[in-house]
Amino acid sequence: MVDTNINTLFFATAMGKINVNGKDVMVLSVQSPLGVALNGKAKGDVVDFNGRQVEILEVN
């Protein structure tokens, strides 16, 4: 589970957006473009993705 400044992500088999305990979570594949961009990154890292700055706030 990865919390970013944009949304919460979970990497598994891609399922799209789901709701968990009232919180929207995007379920993506690690092979998705965003999964590839975030691979190997840690809390506090920022990546440029589609012209947006995505900051990793928490990794669970």
PDB file of N, CA and C in Angstrom:
ATOM      1  N   MET A   1       0.853  -1.157   0.000  1.00  0.00           N
ATOM      2  CA  MET A   1       0.000   0.000   0.000  1.00  0.00           C
ATOM      3  C   MET A   1       0.902   1.223   0.000  1.00  0.00           C
ATOM      4  N   VAL A   2       0.661   2.136  -0.904  1.00  0.00           N
ATOM      5  CA  VAL A   2       1.469   3.339  -1.032  1.00  0.00           C
ATOM      6  C   VAL A   2       0.534   4.550  -1.017  1.00  0.00           C
ATOM      7  N   ASP A   3       0.729   5.423  -0.042  1.00  0.00           N
ATOM      8  CA  ASP A   3      -0.023   6.680  -0.002  1.00  0.00           C
ATOM      9  C   ASP A   3       0.806   7.745  -0.692  1.00  0.00           C
ATOM     10  N   THR A   4       0.185   8.451  -1.640  1.00  0.00           N
ATOM     11  CA  THR A   4       0.863   9.548  -2.328  1.00  0.00           C
ATOM     12  C   THR A   4       0.053  10.821  -2.135  1.00  0.00           C
ATOM     13  N   ASN A   5       0.608  11.928  -2.572  1.00  0.00           N
ATOM     14  CA  ASN A   5      -0.122  13.182  -2.488  1.00  0.00           C
ATOM     15  C   ASN A   5      -1.311  13.209  -3.444  1.00  0.00           C
ATOM     16  N   ILE A   6      -1.402  12.242  -4.342  1.00  0.00           N
ATOM     17  CA  ILE A   6      -2.492  12.194  -5.315  1.00  0.00           C
ATOM     18  C   ILE A   6      -3.571  11.184  -4.923  1.00  0.00           C
ATOM     19  N   ASN A   7      -3.154   9.977  -4.493  1.00  0.00           N
ATOM     20  CA  ASN A   7      -4.105   8.939  -4.102  1.00  0.00           C
ATOM     21  C   ASN A   7      -3.393   7.817  -3.357  1.00  0.00           C
ATOM     22  N   THR A   8      -4.181   6.829  -2.957  1.00  0.00           N
ATOM     23  CA  THR A   8      -3.637   5.644  -2.299  1.00  0.00           C
ATOM     24  C   THR A   8      -3.586   4.528  -3.327  1.00  0.00           C
ATOM     25  N   LEU A   9      -2.455   3.831  -3.359  1.00  0.00           N
ATOM     26  CA  LEU A   9      -2.237   2.783  -4.352  1.00  0.00           C
ATOM     27  C   LEU A   9      -1.956   1.457  -3.664  1.00  0.00           C
ATOM     28  N   PHE A  10      -2.398   0.381  -4.290  1.00  0.00           N
ATOM     29  CA  PHE A  10      -2.063  -0.966  -3.846  1.00  0.00           C
ATOM     30  C   PHE A  10      -1.622  -1.711  -5.093  1.00  0.00           C
ATOM     31  N   PHE A  11      -0.471  -2.373  -5.010  1.00  0.00           N
ATOM     32  CA  PHE A  11       0.059  -3.070  -6.177  1.00  0.00           C
ATOM     33  C   PHE A  11      -0.210  -4.564  -6.067  1.00  0.00           C
ATOM     34  N   ALA A  12      -0.946  -5.061  -7.051  1.00  0.00           N
ATOM     35  CA  ALA A  12      -1.336  -6.469  -7.140  1.00  0.00           C
ATOM     36  C   ALA A  12      -1.769  -6.673  -8.596  1.00  0.00           C
ATOM     37  N   THR A  13      -2.684  -7.586  -8.832  1.00  0.00           N
ATOM     38  CA  THR A  13      -3.283  -7.714 -10.150  1.00  0.00           C
ATOM     39  C   THR A  13      -4.184  -6.503 -10.354  1.00  0.00           C
ATOM     40  N   ALA A  14      -4.031  -5.810 -11.456  1.00  0.00           N
ATOM     41  CA  ALA A  14      -4.778  -4.575 -11.702  1.00  0.00           C
ATOM     42  C   ALA A  14      -6.280  -4.806 -11.598  1.00  0.00           C
ATOM     43  N   MET A  15      -6.937  -3.968 -10.786  1.00  0.00           N
ATOM     44  CA  MET A  15      -8.389  -4.045 -10.603  1.00  0.00           C
ATOM     45  C   MET A  15      -9.051  -2.680 -10.728  1.00  0.00           C
ATOM     46  N   GLY A  16      -8.266  -1.622 -10.809  1.00  0.00           N
ATOM     47  CA  GLY A  16      -8.846  -0.284 -10.850  1.00  0.00           C
ATOM     48  C   GLY A  16      -9.149   0.211  -9.447  1.00  0.00           C
ATOM     49  N   LYS A  17     -10.116   1.118  -9.336  1.00  0.00           N
ATOM     50  CA  LYS A  17     -10.431   1.727  -8.048  1.00  0.00           C
ATOM     51  C   LYS A  17     -11.386   0.849  -7.252  1.00  0.00           C
ATOM     52  N   ILE A  18     -11.053   0.634  -5.973  1.00  0.00           N
ATOM     53  CA  ILE A  18     -11.934  -0.065  -5.040  1.00  0.00           C
ATOM     54  C   ILE A  18     -12.084   0.809  -3.804  1.00  0.00           C
ATOM     55  N   ASN A  19     -13.053   0.482  -2.968  1.00  0.00           N
ATOM     56  CA  ASN A  19     -13.262   1.226  -1.735  1.00  0.00           C
ATOM     57  C   ASN A  19     -12.993   0.293  -0.567  1.00  0.00           C
ATOM     58  N   VAL A  20     -12.094   0.704   0.323  1.00  0.00           N
ATOM     59  CA  VAL A  20     -11.732  -0.092   1.491  1.00  0.00           C
ATOM     60  C   VAL A  20     -11.972   0.756   2.724  1.00  0.00           C
ATOM     61  N   ASN A  21     -12.907   0.331   3.544  1.00  0.00           N
ATOM     62  CA  ASN A  21     -13.242   1.068   4.773  1.00  0.00           C
ATOM     63  C   ASN A  21     -13.481   2.544   4.507  1.00  0.00           C
ATOM     64  N   GLY A  22     -14.208   2.850   3.441  1.00  0.00           N
ATOM     65  CA  GLY A  22     -14.554   4.221   3.119  1.00  0.00           C
ATOM     66  C   GLY A  22     -13.468   5.013   2.409  1.00  0.00           C
ATOM     67  N   LYS A  23     -12.356   4.374   2.057  1.00  0.00           N
ATOM     68  CA  LYS A  23     -11.250   5.061   1.394  1.00  0.00           C
ATOM     69  C   LYS A  23     -11.059   4.480  -0.005  1.00  0.00           C
ATOM     70  N   ASP A  24     -11.009   5.348  -1.015  1.00  0.00           N
ATOM     71  CA  ASP A  24     -10.755   4.884  -2.381  1.00  0.00           C
ATOM     72  C   ASP A  24      -9.296   4.488  -2.529  1.00  0.00           C
ATOM     73  N   VAL A  25      -9.067   3.319  -3.122  1.00  0.00           N
ATOM     74  CA  VAL A  25      -7.727   2.786  -3.344  1.00  0.00           C
ATOM     75  C   VAL A  25      -7.641   2.330  -4.794  1.00  0.00           C
ATOM     76  N   MET A  26      -6.583   2.761  -5.488  1.00  0.00           N
ATOM     77  CA  MET A  26      -6.347   2.291  -6.845  1.00  0.00           C
ATOM     78  C   MET A  26      -5.488   1.035  -6.782  1.00  0.00           C
ATOM     79  N   VAL A  27      -5.992  -0.066  -7.349  1.00  0.00           N
ATOM     80  CA  VAL A  27      -5.245  -1.322  -7.380  1.00  0.00           C
ATOM     81  C   VAL A  27      -4.614  -1.431  -8.762  1.00  0.00           C
ATOM     82  N   LEU A  28      -3.278  -1.358  -8.782  1.00  0.00           N
ATOM     83  CA  LEU A  28      -2.525  -1.346 -10.024  1.00  0.00           C
ATOM     84  C   LEU A  28      -1.523  -2.487 -10.068  1.00  0.00           C
ATOM     85  N   SER A  29      -1.117  -2.829 -11.260  1.00  0.00           N
ATOM     86  CA  SER A  29      -0.042  -3.800 -11.456  1.00  0.00           C
ATOM     87  C   SER A  29       1.297  -3.079 -11.306  1.00  0.00           C
ATOM     88  N   VAL A  30       2.304  -3.786 -10.798  1.00  0.00           N
ATOM     89  CA  VAL A  30       3.648  -3.196 -10.723  1.00  0.00           C
ATOM     90  C   VAL A  30       4.198  -2.944 -12.126  1.00  0.00           C
ATOM     91  N   GLN A  31       3.586  -3.571 -13.132  1.00  0.00           N
ATOM     92  CA  GLN A  31       4.012  -3.384 -14.513  1.00  0.00           C
ATOM     93  C   GLN A  31       3.295  -2.216 -15.185  1.00  0.00           C
ATOM     94  N   SER A  32       2.353  -1.587 -14.468  1.00  0.00           N
ATOM     95  CA  SER A  32       1.670  -0.413 -15.011  1.00  0.00           C
ATOM     96  C   SER A  32       2.669   0.739 -15.101  1.00  0.00           C
ATOM     97  N   PRO A  33       2.397   1.740 -15.924  1.00  0.00           N
ATOM     98  CA  PRO A  33       3.329   2.868 -16.015  1.00  0.00           C
ATOM     99  C   PRO A  33       3.624   3.528 -14.660  1.00  0.00           C
ATOM    100  N   LEU A  34       2.613   3.708 -13.817  1.00  0.00           N
ATOM    101  CA  LEU A  34       2.858   4.303 -12.500  1.00  0.00           C
ATOM    102  C   LEU A  34       3.624   3.338 -11.604  1.00  0.00           C
ATOM    103  N   GLY A  35       3.333   2.052 -11.700  1.00  0.00           N
ATOM    104  CA  GLY A  35       4.079   1.050 -10.937  1.00  0.00           C
ATOM    105  C   GLY A  35       5.552   1.051 -11.298  1.00  0.00           C
ATOM    106  N   VAL A  36       5.839   1.165 -12.573  1.00  0.00           N
ATOM    107  CA  VAL A  36       7.230   1.217 -13.034  1.00  0.00           C
ATOM    108  C   VAL A  36       7.902   2.488 -12.522  1.00  0.00           C
ATOM    109  N   ALA A  37       7.195   3.620 -12.576  1.00  0.00           N
ATOM    110  CA  ALA A  37       7.769   4.892 -12.123  1.00  0.00           C
ATOM    111  C   ALA A  37       8.080   4.874 -10.634  1.00  0.00           C
ATOM    112  N   LEU A  38       7.257   4.173  -9.847  1.00  0.00           N
ATOM    113  CA  LEU A  38       7.442   4.152  -8.392  1.00  0.00           C
ATOM    114  C   LEU A  38       8.341   3.018  -7.908  1.00  0.00           C
ATOM    115  N   ASN A  39       8.672   2.081  -8.776  1.00  0.00           N
ATOM    116  CA  ASN A  39       9.486   0.933  -8.384  1.00  0.00           C
ATOM    117  C   ASN A  39      10.812   1.378  -7.773  1.00  0.00           C
ATOM    118  N   GLY A  40      11.106   0.885  -6.581  1.00  0.00           N
ATOM    119  CA  GLY A  40      12.361   1.178  -5.913  1.00  0.00           C
ATOM    120  C   GLY A  40      12.372   2.496  -5.158  1.00  0.00           C
ATOM    121  N   LYS A  41      11.272   3.229  -5.179  1.00  0.00           N
ATOM    122  CA  LYS A  41      11.202   4.512  -4.484  1.00  0.00           C
ATOM    123  C   LYS A  41      10.765   4.295  -3.039  1.00  0.00           C
ATOM    124  N   ALA A  42      10.985   5.314  -2.203  1.00  0.00           N
ATOM    125  CA  ALA A  42      10.677   5.208  -0.769  1.00  0.00           C
ATOM    126  C   ALA A  42       9.950   6.471  -0.305  1.00  0.00           C
ATOM    127  N   LYS A  43       9.509   6.436   0.932  1.00  0.00           N
ATOM    128  CA  LYS A  43       8.819   7.569   1.549  1.00  0.00           C
ATOM    129  C   LYS A  43       9.661   8.839   1.354  1.00  0.00           C
ATOM    130  N   GLY A  44       9.004   9.892   0.893  1.00  0.00           N
ATOM    131  CA  GLY A  44       9.675  11.162   0.669  1.00  0.00           C
ATOM    132  C   GLY A  44      10.164  11.367  -0.751  1.00  0.00           C
ATOM    133  N   ASP A  45      10.268  10.285  -1.531  1.00  0.00           N
ATOM    134  CA  ASP A  45      10.696  10.414  -2.923  1.00  0.00           C
ATOM    135  C   ASP A  45       9.579  11.045  -3.753  1.00  0.00           C
ATOM    136  N   VAL A  46       9.970  11.765  -4.788  1.00  0.00           N
ATOM    137  CA  VAL A  46       9.025  12.406  -5.706  1.00  0.00           C
ATOM    138  C   VAL A  46       9.383  11.962  -7.118  1.00  0.00           C
ATOM    139  N   VAL A  47       8.366  11.553  -7.889  1.00  0.00           N
ATOM    140  CA  VAL A  47       8.577  11.194  -9.292  1.00  0.00           C
ATOM    141  C   VAL A  47       7.671  12.065 -10.152  1.00  0.00           C
ATOM    142  N   ASP A  48       8.132  12.360 -11.346  1.00  0.00           N
ATOM    143  CA  ASP A  48       7.326  13.091 -12.317  1.00  0.00           C
ATOM    144  C   ASP A  48       6.580  12.057 -13.140  1.00  0.00           C
ATOM    145  N   PHE A  49       5.249  12.101 -13.099  1.00  0.00           N
ATOM    146  CA  PHE A  49       4.444  11.127 -13.833  1.00  0.00           C
ATOM    147  C   PHE A  49       3.358  11.868 -14.591  1.00  0.00           C
ATOM    148  N   ASN A  50       3.402  11.784 -15.892  1.00  0.00           N
ATOM    149  CA  ASN A  50       2.427  12.465 -16.757  1.00  0.00           C
ATOM    150  C   ASN A  50       2.302  13.945 -16.425  1.00  0.00           C
ATOM    151  N   GLY A  51       3.425  14.591 -16.163  1.00  0.00           N
ATOM    152  CA  GLY A  51       3.424  16.018 -15.881  1.00  0.00           C
ATOM    153  C   GLY A  51       3.010  16.399 -14.478  1.00  0.00           C
ATOM    154  N   ARG A  52       2.804  15.408 -13.606  1.00  0.00           N
ATOM    155  CA  ARG A  52       2.416  15.669 -12.213  1.00  0.00           C
ATOM    156  C   ARG A  52       3.514  15.175 -11.287  1.00  0.00           C
ATOM    157  N   GLN A  53       3.736  15.905 -10.221  1.00  0.00           N
ATOM    158  CA  GLN A  53       4.696  15.494  -9.203  1.00  0.00           C
ATOM    159  C   GLN A  53       3.976  14.570  -8.229  1.00  0.00           C
ATOM    160  N   VAL A  54       4.415  13.328  -8.130  1.00  0.00           N
ATOM    161  CA  VAL A  54       3.824  12.345  -7.234  1.00  0.00           C
ATOM    162  C   VAL A  54       4.812  12.115  -6.097  1.00  0.00           C
ATOM    163  N   GLU A  55       4.410  12.509  -4.886  1.00  0.00           N
ATOM    164  CA  GLU A  55       5.260  12.335  -3.707  1.00  0.00           C
ATOM    165  C   GLU A  55       4.770  11.149  -2.899  1.00  0.00           C
ATOM    166  N   ILE A  56       5.685  10.279  -2.508  1.00  0.00           N
ATOM    167  CA  ILE A  56       5.345   9.136  -1.673  1.00  0.00           C
ATOM    168  C   ILE A  56       5.290   9.607  -0.225  1.00  0.00           C
ATOM    169  N   LEU A  57       4.100   9.521   0.364  1.00  0.00           N
ATOM    170  CA  LEU A  57       3.899   9.964   1.739  1.00  0.00           C
ATOM    171  C   LEU A  57       4.098   8.841   2.748  1.00  0.00           C
ATOM    172  N   GLU A  58       3.738   7.627   2.364  1.00  0.00           N
ATOM    173  CA  GLU A  58       3.831   6.484   3.273  1.00  0.00           C
ATOM    174  C   GLU A  58       3.848   5.202   2.466  1.00  0.00           C
ATOM    175  N   VAL A  59       4.616   4.233   2.927  1.00  0.00           N
ATOM    176  CA  VAL A  59       4.637   2.906   2.324  1.00  0.00           C
ATOM    177  C   VAL A  59       4.318   1.915   3.424  1.00  0.00           C
ATOM    178  N   ASN A  60       3.268   1.144   3.230  1.00  0.00           N
ATOM    179  CA  ASN A  60       2.852   0.154   4.227  1.00  0.00           C
ATOM    180  C   ASN A  60       2.989  -1.245   3.678  1.00  0.00           C
TER     181      ASN A  60
END
